[in-house]
N, C-alpha and C. Protein backbone atom coordinates (compact mmCIF):
# COMPACT_ATOMS: atom_id res chain seq x y z
N UNK A 1 62.69 180.22 141.20
CA UNK A 1 63.31 179.00 140.71
C UNK A 1 64.73 178.94 141.29
N UNK A 2 65.10 177.78 141.80
CA UNK A 2 66.44 177.60 142.36
C UNK A 2 67.44 177.38 141.23
N UNK A 3 68.66 177.87 141.43
CA UNK A 3 69.68 177.76 140.39
C UNK A 3 70.73 176.72 140.75
N UNK A 4 71.25 176.09 139.71
CA UNK A 4 72.36 175.14 139.84
C UNK A 4 73.47 175.65 138.94
N UNK A 5 74.67 175.83 139.49
CA UNK A 5 75.81 176.23 138.68
C UNK A 5 76.53 174.98 138.20
N UNK A 6 76.84 174.95 136.92
CA UNK A 6 77.53 173.81 136.32
C UNK A 6 78.99 173.83 136.76
N UNK A 7 79.51 172.66 137.11
CA UNK A 7 80.92 172.53 137.50
C UNK A 7 81.61 171.53 136.57
N UNK A 8 82.94 171.61 136.49
CA UNK A 8 83.65 170.64 135.64
C UNK A 8 83.47 169.22 136.16
N UNK A 9 83.42 168.28 135.24
CA UNK A 9 83.31 166.86 135.60
C UNK A 9 84.68 166.34 135.98
N UNK A 10 84.83 165.85 137.22
CA UNK A 10 86.06 165.21 137.68
C UNK A 10 85.71 163.89 138.34
N UNK A 11 86.67 162.98 138.39
CA UNK A 11 86.42 161.68 139.06
C UNK A 11 86.00 161.88 140.52
N UNK A 12 86.69 162.77 141.20
CA UNK A 12 86.41 162.98 142.63
C UNK A 12 85.01 163.52 142.86
N UNK A 13 84.63 164.54 142.09
CA UNK A 13 83.32 165.16 142.29
C UNK A 13 82.18 164.23 141.90
N UNK A 14 82.39 163.38 140.89
CA UNK A 14 81.32 162.50 140.40
C UNK A 14 81.28 161.14 141.09
N UNK A 15 82.30 160.80 141.88
CA UNK A 15 82.40 159.48 142.51
C UNK A 15 81.12 159.04 143.25
N UNK A 16 80.40 159.92 143.98
CA UNK A 16 79.19 159.44 144.67
C UNK A 16 78.08 158.97 143.71
N UNK A 17 78.17 159.36 142.44
CA UNK A 17 77.12 159.04 141.48
C UNK A 17 77.50 157.96 140.48
N UNK A 18 78.82 157.78 140.27
CA UNK A 18 79.25 156.81 139.27
C UNK A 18 80.71 157.00 138.90
N UNK A 19 81.04 156.62 137.67
CA UNK A 19 82.42 156.62 137.20
C UNK A 19 82.57 157.60 136.04
N UNK A 20 83.71 158.31 136.01
CA UNK A 20 84.06 159.10 134.85
C UNK A 20 84.87 158.19 133.93
N UNK A 21 84.49 158.13 132.68
CA UNK A 21 85.17 157.29 131.70
C UNK A 21 86.07 158.19 130.87
N UNK A 22 87.39 158.11 131.12
CA UNK A 22 88.35 158.91 130.38
C UNK A 22 89.73 158.29 130.49
N UNK A 23 90.59 158.67 129.58
CA UNK A 23 91.96 158.16 129.56
C UNK A 23 92.80 158.78 130.66
N UNK A 24 92.67 160.09 130.88
CA UNK A 24 93.50 160.79 131.85
C UNK A 24 93.41 160.12 133.22
N UNK A 25 94.54 159.71 133.76
CA UNK A 25 94.61 159.12 135.09
C UNK A 25 94.18 157.67 135.17
N UNK A 26 93.87 157.03 134.06
CA UNK A 26 93.38 155.64 134.07
C UNK A 26 94.55 154.66 134.09
N UNK A 27 94.32 153.51 134.70
CA UNK A 27 95.29 152.42 134.63
C UNK A 27 95.39 151.96 133.18
N UNK A 28 96.62 151.72 132.72
CA UNK A 28 96.78 151.32 131.32
C UNK A 28 97.95 150.36 131.18
N UNK A 29 97.92 149.62 130.07
CA UNK A 29 99.04 148.74 129.73
C UNK A 29 98.98 148.46 128.23
N UNK A 30 100.14 148.16 127.63
CA UNK A 30 100.17 147.92 126.18
C UNK A 30 99.61 146.53 125.85
N UNK A 31 98.95 146.46 124.68
CA UNK A 31 98.46 145.19 124.13
C UNK A 31 98.80 145.16 122.64
N UNK A 32 98.43 144.08 121.98
CA UNK A 32 98.64 143.95 120.53
C UNK A 32 100.08 144.26 120.14
N UNK A 33 101.01 143.57 120.82
CA UNK A 33 102.43 143.70 120.51
C UNK A 33 102.92 145.13 120.66
N UNK A 34 102.35 145.86 121.64
CA UNK A 34 102.78 147.22 121.90
C UNK A 34 102.19 148.27 120.98
N UNK A 35 101.29 147.90 120.10
CA UNK A 35 100.72 148.83 119.13
C UNK A 35 99.44 149.51 119.63
N UNK A 36 99.01 149.15 120.82
CA UNK A 36 97.76 149.70 121.35
C UNK A 36 97.87 149.77 122.88
N UNK A 37 97.31 150.84 123.46
CA UNK A 37 97.24 150.94 124.92
C UNK A 37 95.81 150.62 125.34
N UNK A 38 95.69 149.78 126.35
CA UNK A 38 94.38 149.47 126.92
C UNK A 38 94.24 150.27 128.21
N UNK A 39 93.20 151.10 128.27
CA UNK A 39 92.85 151.85 129.48
C UNK A 39 91.79 151.02 130.16
N UNK A 40 92.18 150.38 131.24
CA UNK A 40 91.51 149.20 131.76
C UNK A 40 90.52 149.50 132.88
N UNK A 41 89.38 148.81 132.83
CA UNK A 41 88.40 148.76 133.91
C UNK A 41 87.95 150.16 134.33
N UNK A 42 87.43 150.91 133.40
CA UNK A 42 87.07 152.31 133.65
C UNK A 42 85.72 152.49 134.33
N UNK A 43 84.86 151.48 134.29
CA UNK A 43 83.53 151.61 134.88
C UNK A 43 82.98 150.25 135.26
N UNK A 44 82.18 150.24 136.31
CA UNK A 44 81.53 149.01 136.76
C UNK A 44 80.13 148.94 136.14
N UNK A 45 79.95 148.02 135.20
CA UNK A 45 78.64 147.82 134.58
C UNK A 45 77.82 146.94 135.51
N UNK A 46 76.64 147.41 135.90
CA UNK A 46 75.79 146.69 136.83
C UNK A 46 74.51 146.23 136.15
N UNK A 47 74.17 144.96 136.30
CA UNK A 47 72.89 144.45 135.83
C UNK A 47 72.37 143.46 136.86
N UNK A 48 71.14 143.66 137.32
CA UNK A 48 70.51 142.75 138.27
C UNK A 48 69.10 142.45 137.78
N UNK A 49 68.50 141.43 138.34
CA UNK A 49 67.11 141.13 138.03
C UNK A 49 66.96 139.96 137.07
N UNK A 50 65.72 139.62 136.84
CA UNK A 50 65.34 138.48 136.00
C UNK A 50 65.79 138.67 134.56
N UNK A 51 66.45 137.67 134.01
CA UNK A 51 66.90 137.68 132.62
C UNK A 51 67.73 138.91 132.26
N UNK A 52 68.52 139.43 133.20
CA UNK A 52 69.31 140.63 132.97
C UNK A 52 70.43 140.36 131.97
N UNK A 53 70.68 141.37 131.12
CA UNK A 53 71.77 141.29 130.17
C UNK A 53 72.28 142.71 129.93
N UNK A 54 73.51 142.81 129.46
CA UNK A 54 74.10 144.10 129.16
C UNK A 54 73.83 144.45 127.70
N UNK A 55 73.36 145.67 127.46
CA UNK A 55 73.06 146.15 126.12
C UNK A 55 74.08 147.20 125.70
N UNK A 56 74.43 147.23 124.43
CA UNK A 56 75.22 148.31 123.85
C UNK A 56 74.38 148.90 122.73
N UNK A 57 74.11 150.20 122.82
CA UNK A 57 73.27 150.88 121.83
C UNK A 57 73.95 152.18 121.41
N UNK A 58 73.46 152.77 120.33
CA UNK A 58 73.91 154.08 119.88
C UNK A 58 72.77 155.06 120.03
N UNK A 59 73.08 156.28 120.45
CA UNK A 59 72.10 157.35 120.57
C UNK A 59 72.58 158.55 119.77
N UNK A 60 71.66 159.28 119.19
CA UNK A 60 71.97 160.56 118.54
C UNK A 60 71.08 161.60 119.20
N UNK A 61 71.71 162.54 119.90
CA UNK A 61 70.97 163.54 120.65
C UNK A 61 71.02 164.91 120.02
N UNK A 62 69.90 165.62 120.08
CA UNK A 62 69.83 167.01 119.65
C UNK A 62 70.35 167.89 120.78
N UNK A 63 70.96 169.02 120.43
CA UNK A 63 71.57 169.86 121.46
C UNK A 63 70.56 170.66 122.28
N UNK A 64 70.92 170.87 123.53
CA UNK A 64 70.20 171.75 124.44
C UNK A 64 71.02 173.02 124.61
N UNK A 65 70.40 174.07 125.12
CA UNK A 65 71.11 175.31 125.40
C UNK A 65 70.98 175.65 126.88
N UNK A 66 72.04 176.22 127.43
CA UNK A 66 72.01 176.73 128.79
C UNK A 66 71.61 178.19 128.74
N UNK A 67 70.89 178.72 129.71
CA UNK A 67 70.40 178.01 130.88
C UNK A 67 69.29 177.02 130.50
N UNK A 68 69.17 175.99 131.33
CA UNK A 68 68.26 174.88 131.07
C UNK A 68 67.35 174.68 132.28
N UNK A 69 66.09 174.54 132.02
CA UNK A 69 65.10 174.28 133.08
C UNK A 69 65.08 172.78 133.36
N UNK A 70 65.30 172.39 134.61
CA UNK A 70 65.28 170.98 135.01
C UNK A 70 64.08 170.74 135.90
N UNK A 71 63.19 169.87 135.44
CA UNK A 71 61.97 169.56 136.19
C UNK A 71 61.94 168.13 136.68
N UNK A 72 62.74 167.24 136.04
CA UNK A 72 62.63 165.80 136.30
C UNK A 72 63.99 165.15 136.31
N UNK A 73 64.13 164.14 137.16
CA UNK A 73 65.28 163.23 137.14
C UNK A 73 64.74 161.81 137.10
N UNK A 74 65.60 160.88 136.70
CA UNK A 74 65.21 159.48 136.61
C UNK A 74 66.29 158.61 137.22
N UNK A 75 65.95 157.35 137.45
CA UNK A 75 66.95 156.37 137.89
C UNK A 75 66.57 155.00 137.36
N UNK A 76 67.55 154.11 137.38
CA UNK A 76 67.38 152.76 136.88
C UNK A 76 67.74 151.78 138.00
N UNK A 77 66.74 151.17 138.63
CA UNK A 77 66.99 150.34 139.81
C UNK A 77 67.72 149.03 139.53
N UNK A 78 67.73 148.55 138.27
CA UNK A 78 68.32 147.25 137.98
C UNK A 78 69.64 147.30 137.22
N UNK A 79 70.15 148.49 136.91
CA UNK A 79 71.40 148.52 136.17
C UNK A 79 71.99 149.91 136.04
N UNK A 80 73.30 149.94 135.85
CA UNK A 80 74.00 151.19 135.58
C UNK A 80 73.71 151.63 134.15
N UNK A 81 74.14 152.85 133.84
CA UNK A 81 73.93 153.39 132.50
C UNK A 81 75.14 154.24 132.14
N UNK A 82 75.89 153.81 131.12
CA UNK A 82 77.10 154.51 130.70
C UNK A 82 76.85 155.25 129.39
N UNK A 83 77.41 156.45 129.28
CA UNK A 83 77.33 157.26 128.08
C UNK A 83 78.74 157.62 127.65
N UNK A 84 79.13 157.17 126.46
CA UNK A 84 80.46 157.44 125.91
C UNK A 84 80.25 158.23 124.62
N UNK A 85 80.68 159.50 124.60
CA UNK A 85 80.44 160.32 123.42
C UNK A 85 81.31 159.89 122.24
N UNK A 86 80.74 159.97 121.05
CA UNK A 86 81.48 159.70 119.82
C UNK A 86 81.82 161.01 119.09
N UNK A 87 81.38 162.13 119.64
CA UNK A 87 81.67 163.44 119.06
C UNK A 87 82.54 164.23 120.05
N UNK A 88 82.98 165.39 119.62
CA UNK A 88 83.81 166.25 120.46
C UNK A 88 82.97 167.21 121.29
N UNK A 89 81.66 167.19 121.13
CA UNK A 89 80.80 168.15 121.83
C UNK A 89 80.70 167.83 123.32
N UNK A 90 80.70 168.86 124.17
CA UNK A 90 80.48 168.61 125.59
C UNK A 90 79.03 168.20 125.82
N UNK A 91 78.80 167.58 126.98
CA UNK A 91 77.43 167.30 127.39
C UNK A 91 77.29 167.54 128.88
N UNK A 92 76.06 167.75 129.29
CA UNK A 92 75.75 168.05 130.67
C UNK A 92 75.37 166.76 131.38
N UNK A 93 75.89 166.57 132.59
CA UNK A 93 75.54 165.41 133.41
C UNK A 93 74.95 165.94 134.70
N UNK A 94 73.72 165.54 134.99
CA UNK A 94 73.02 165.97 136.20
C UNK A 94 72.79 164.73 137.06
N UNK A 95 73.07 164.84 138.36
CA UNK A 95 72.86 163.73 139.29
C UNK A 95 72.39 164.28 140.63
N UNK A 96 71.73 163.42 141.41
CA UNK A 96 71.21 163.84 142.72
C UNK A 96 71.32 162.68 143.70
N UNK A 97 71.65 163.02 144.95
CA UNK A 97 71.70 162.03 146.01
C UNK A 97 70.29 161.62 146.44
N UNK A 98 70.15 160.41 146.88
CA UNK A 98 68.88 159.92 147.44
C UNK A 98 68.66 160.55 148.81
N UNK A 99 67.46 161.06 149.05
CA UNK A 99 67.04 161.59 150.34
C UNK A 99 65.87 160.75 150.83
N UNK A 100 65.49 160.86 152.10
CA UNK A 100 64.38 160.04 152.60
C UNK A 100 63.08 160.19 151.81
N UNK A 101 62.85 161.37 151.21
CA UNK A 101 61.61 161.58 150.46
C UNK A 101 61.83 161.63 148.95
N UNK A 102 62.95 161.08 148.46
CA UNK A 102 63.22 161.07 147.02
C UNK A 102 64.56 161.72 146.72
N UNK A 103 64.77 162.15 145.48
CA UNK A 103 66.05 162.76 145.13
C UNK A 103 66.22 164.13 145.77
N UNK A 104 67.46 164.42 146.17
CA UNK A 104 67.78 165.73 146.71
C UNK A 104 68.04 166.72 145.59
N UNK A 105 68.62 167.86 145.97
CA UNK A 105 68.95 168.89 144.99
C UNK A 105 69.99 168.33 144.01
N UNK A 106 69.80 168.58 142.74
CA UNK A 106 70.73 168.06 141.73
C UNK A 106 72.06 168.81 141.72
N UNK A 107 73.05 168.15 141.16
CA UNK A 107 74.36 168.71 140.90
C UNK A 107 74.57 168.59 139.40
N UNK A 108 75.16 169.61 138.77
CA UNK A 108 75.35 169.60 137.32
C UNK A 108 76.84 169.65 136.99
N UNK A 109 77.26 168.79 136.07
CA UNK A 109 78.65 168.68 135.63
C UNK A 109 78.72 168.90 134.13
N UNK A 110 79.80 169.53 133.67
CA UNK A 110 80.05 169.72 132.26
C UNK A 110 81.25 168.88 131.86
N UNK A 111 81.07 168.03 130.85
CA UNK A 111 82.16 167.18 130.40
C UNK A 111 83.13 167.99 129.54
N UNK A 112 84.33 167.46 129.42
CA UNK A 112 85.29 167.99 128.46
C UNK A 112 85.51 166.91 127.41
N UNK A 113 86.15 167.25 126.32
CA UNK A 113 86.41 166.29 125.25
C UNK A 113 87.11 165.05 125.82
N UNK A 114 86.61 163.88 125.43
CA UNK A 114 87.21 162.63 125.87
C UNK A 114 86.63 162.05 127.15
N UNK A 115 85.63 162.69 127.74
CA UNK A 115 85.02 162.17 128.97
C UNK A 115 83.65 161.58 128.68
N UNK A 116 83.40 160.42 129.30
CA UNK A 116 82.09 159.82 129.35
C UNK A 116 81.76 159.56 130.81
N UNK A 117 80.58 159.03 131.07
CA UNK A 117 80.18 158.72 132.45
C UNK A 117 79.49 157.37 132.51
N UNK A 118 79.61 156.74 133.65
CA UNK A 118 78.83 155.55 133.98
C UNK A 118 78.06 155.90 135.25
N UNK A 119 76.75 156.03 135.13
CA UNK A 119 75.92 156.38 136.28
C UNK A 119 75.53 155.07 136.95
N UNK A 120 75.89 154.96 138.23
CA UNK A 120 75.64 153.73 138.96
C UNK A 120 74.15 153.42 139.06
N UNK A 121 73.87 152.15 139.30
CA UNK A 121 72.50 151.66 139.48
C UNK A 121 71.82 152.43 140.61
N UNK A 122 70.58 152.82 140.39
CA UNK A 122 69.72 153.44 141.39
C UNK A 122 70.12 154.88 141.75
N UNK A 123 70.91 155.55 140.92
CA UNK A 123 71.29 156.94 141.14
C UNK A 123 70.38 157.84 140.31
N UNK A 124 69.81 158.84 140.97
CA UNK A 124 68.97 159.80 140.25
C UNK A 124 69.84 160.63 139.32
N UNK A 125 69.36 160.85 138.09
CA UNK A 125 70.14 161.62 137.12
C UNK A 125 69.22 162.26 136.09
N UNK A 126 69.76 163.25 135.40
CA UNK A 126 69.03 163.91 134.33
C UNK A 126 69.08 163.09 133.05
N UNK A 127 68.36 163.54 132.06
CA UNK A 127 68.35 162.87 130.76
C UNK A 127 69.61 163.24 129.99
N UNK A 128 69.88 162.53 128.90
CA UNK A 128 71.02 162.84 128.06
C UNK A 128 70.87 164.27 127.53
N UNK A 129 71.91 165.08 127.76
CA UNK A 129 71.83 166.51 127.46
C UNK A 129 73.07 166.98 126.70
N UNK A 130 73.16 166.69 125.40
CA UNK A 130 74.29 167.20 124.63
C UNK A 130 74.20 168.72 124.47
N UNK A 131 75.34 169.35 124.33
CA UNK A 131 75.43 170.79 124.11
C UNK A 131 76.23 171.03 122.83
N UNK A 132 76.01 172.14 122.18
CA UNK A 132 76.83 172.60 121.05
C UNK A 132 76.75 171.73 119.81
N UNK A 133 75.66 171.07 119.54
CA UNK A 133 75.50 170.34 118.29
C UNK A 133 74.95 168.94 118.48
N UNK A 134 74.44 168.38 117.40
CA UNK A 134 73.98 166.99 117.43
C UNK A 134 75.15 166.12 117.86
N UNK A 135 74.89 165.13 118.71
CA UNK A 135 75.96 164.31 119.27
C UNK A 135 75.56 162.85 119.32
N UNK A 136 76.50 162.00 118.94
CA UNK A 136 76.30 160.56 119.00
C UNK A 136 76.98 159.99 120.24
N UNK A 137 76.36 158.96 120.81
CA UNK A 137 76.86 158.32 122.03
C UNK A 137 76.73 156.81 121.91
N UNK A 138 77.67 156.11 122.51
CA UNK A 138 77.48 154.70 122.83
C UNK A 138 76.87 154.68 124.22
N UNK A 139 75.78 153.95 124.38
CA UNK A 139 75.20 153.78 125.71
C UNK A 139 75.27 152.30 126.05
N UNK A 140 75.71 152.04 127.28
CA UNK A 140 75.81 150.67 127.79
C UNK A 140 74.90 150.61 129.01
N UNK A 141 73.86 149.80 128.92
CA UNK A 141 72.94 149.70 130.05
C UNK A 141 72.32 148.32 130.11
N UNK A 142 71.27 148.17 130.88
CA UNK A 142 70.70 146.87 131.20
C UNK A 142 69.42 146.61 130.42
N UNK A 143 69.30 145.39 129.92
CA UNK A 143 68.06 144.91 129.35
C UNK A 143 67.59 143.73 130.19
N UNK A 144 66.34 143.37 130.06
CA UNK A 144 65.80 142.23 130.80
C UNK A 144 64.43 142.54 131.35
N UNK A 145 63.90 141.60 132.10
CA UNK A 145 62.56 141.74 132.66
C UNK A 145 62.53 142.81 133.74
N UNK A 146 61.35 143.32 134.00
CA UNK A 146 61.14 144.31 135.05
C UNK A 146 61.18 145.72 134.49
N UNK A 147 60.63 146.65 135.23
CA UNK A 147 60.61 148.06 134.85
C UNK A 147 61.85 148.71 135.44
N UNK A 148 62.76 149.11 134.57
CA UNK A 148 64.05 149.64 134.99
C UNK A 148 64.11 151.15 134.83
N UNK A 149 63.00 151.83 135.04
CA UNK A 149 62.96 153.28 134.94
C UNK A 149 61.99 153.83 135.98
N UNK A 150 62.49 154.76 136.78
CA UNK A 150 61.64 155.51 137.71
C UNK A 150 61.90 156.98 137.46
N UNK A 151 60.86 157.78 137.43
CA UNK A 151 60.99 159.22 137.22
C UNK A 151 60.50 159.97 138.44
N UNK A 152 61.12 161.11 138.70
CA UNK A 152 60.70 161.99 139.79
C UNK A 152 60.61 163.40 139.24
N UNK A 153 59.46 164.04 139.44
CA UNK A 153 59.25 165.42 139.03
C UNK A 153 59.35 166.31 140.27
N UNK A 154 60.25 167.27 140.24
CA UNK A 154 60.42 168.19 141.37
C UNK A 154 59.21 169.12 141.48
N UNK A 155 58.88 169.48 142.71
CA UNK A 155 57.77 170.42 142.92
C UNK A 155 58.08 171.79 142.35
N UNK A 156 59.35 172.18 142.49
CA UNK A 156 59.82 173.46 141.94
C UNK A 156 60.99 173.15 141.00
N UNK A 157 60.94 173.64 139.76
CA UNK A 157 62.04 173.35 138.84
C UNK A 157 63.32 174.08 139.23
N UNK A 158 64.42 173.62 138.66
CA UNK A 158 65.73 174.23 138.83
C UNK A 158 66.14 174.88 137.51
N UNK A 159 66.97 175.91 137.60
CA UNK A 159 67.55 176.52 136.42
C UNK A 159 69.05 176.25 136.44
N UNK A 160 69.52 175.54 135.43
CA UNK A 160 70.94 175.17 135.34
C UNK A 160 71.64 176.21 134.48
N UNK A 161 72.68 176.81 135.05
CA UNK A 161 73.49 177.83 134.34
C UNK A 161 74.90 177.38 134.17
């Protein structure tokens, strides 16, 4: 089984797959008479296709433990998918570049407190993988006509450490 070492989630490392949603380093300006800071335009929400609309949902995920066996990745051809944690627990983000015959070898990122992600449209990625406890998330993604989910099962699984 091939191994993947988890790396810290940074804007630079994750840029080929999507956006890191966090306050650190974000453009900001005061609103509400100076009583609130707006951290502006942190992610590009993408929706395409027939009757497309943006959805906001809540998810509650059960924790996984590392090392983790990865057999499958998925992608959404008609819209991006953002995950914003409502808890302090880290979560694992797995993504893979498109290759001529499907997704390439995955890359694994570990979030720190205050980080979320927006996975761009048509990017292969792992499922929601909270660590260290039950975790709630806001998910922003696409609703509408068409099948917006494709799955790929690797011939040989990966072990994420």
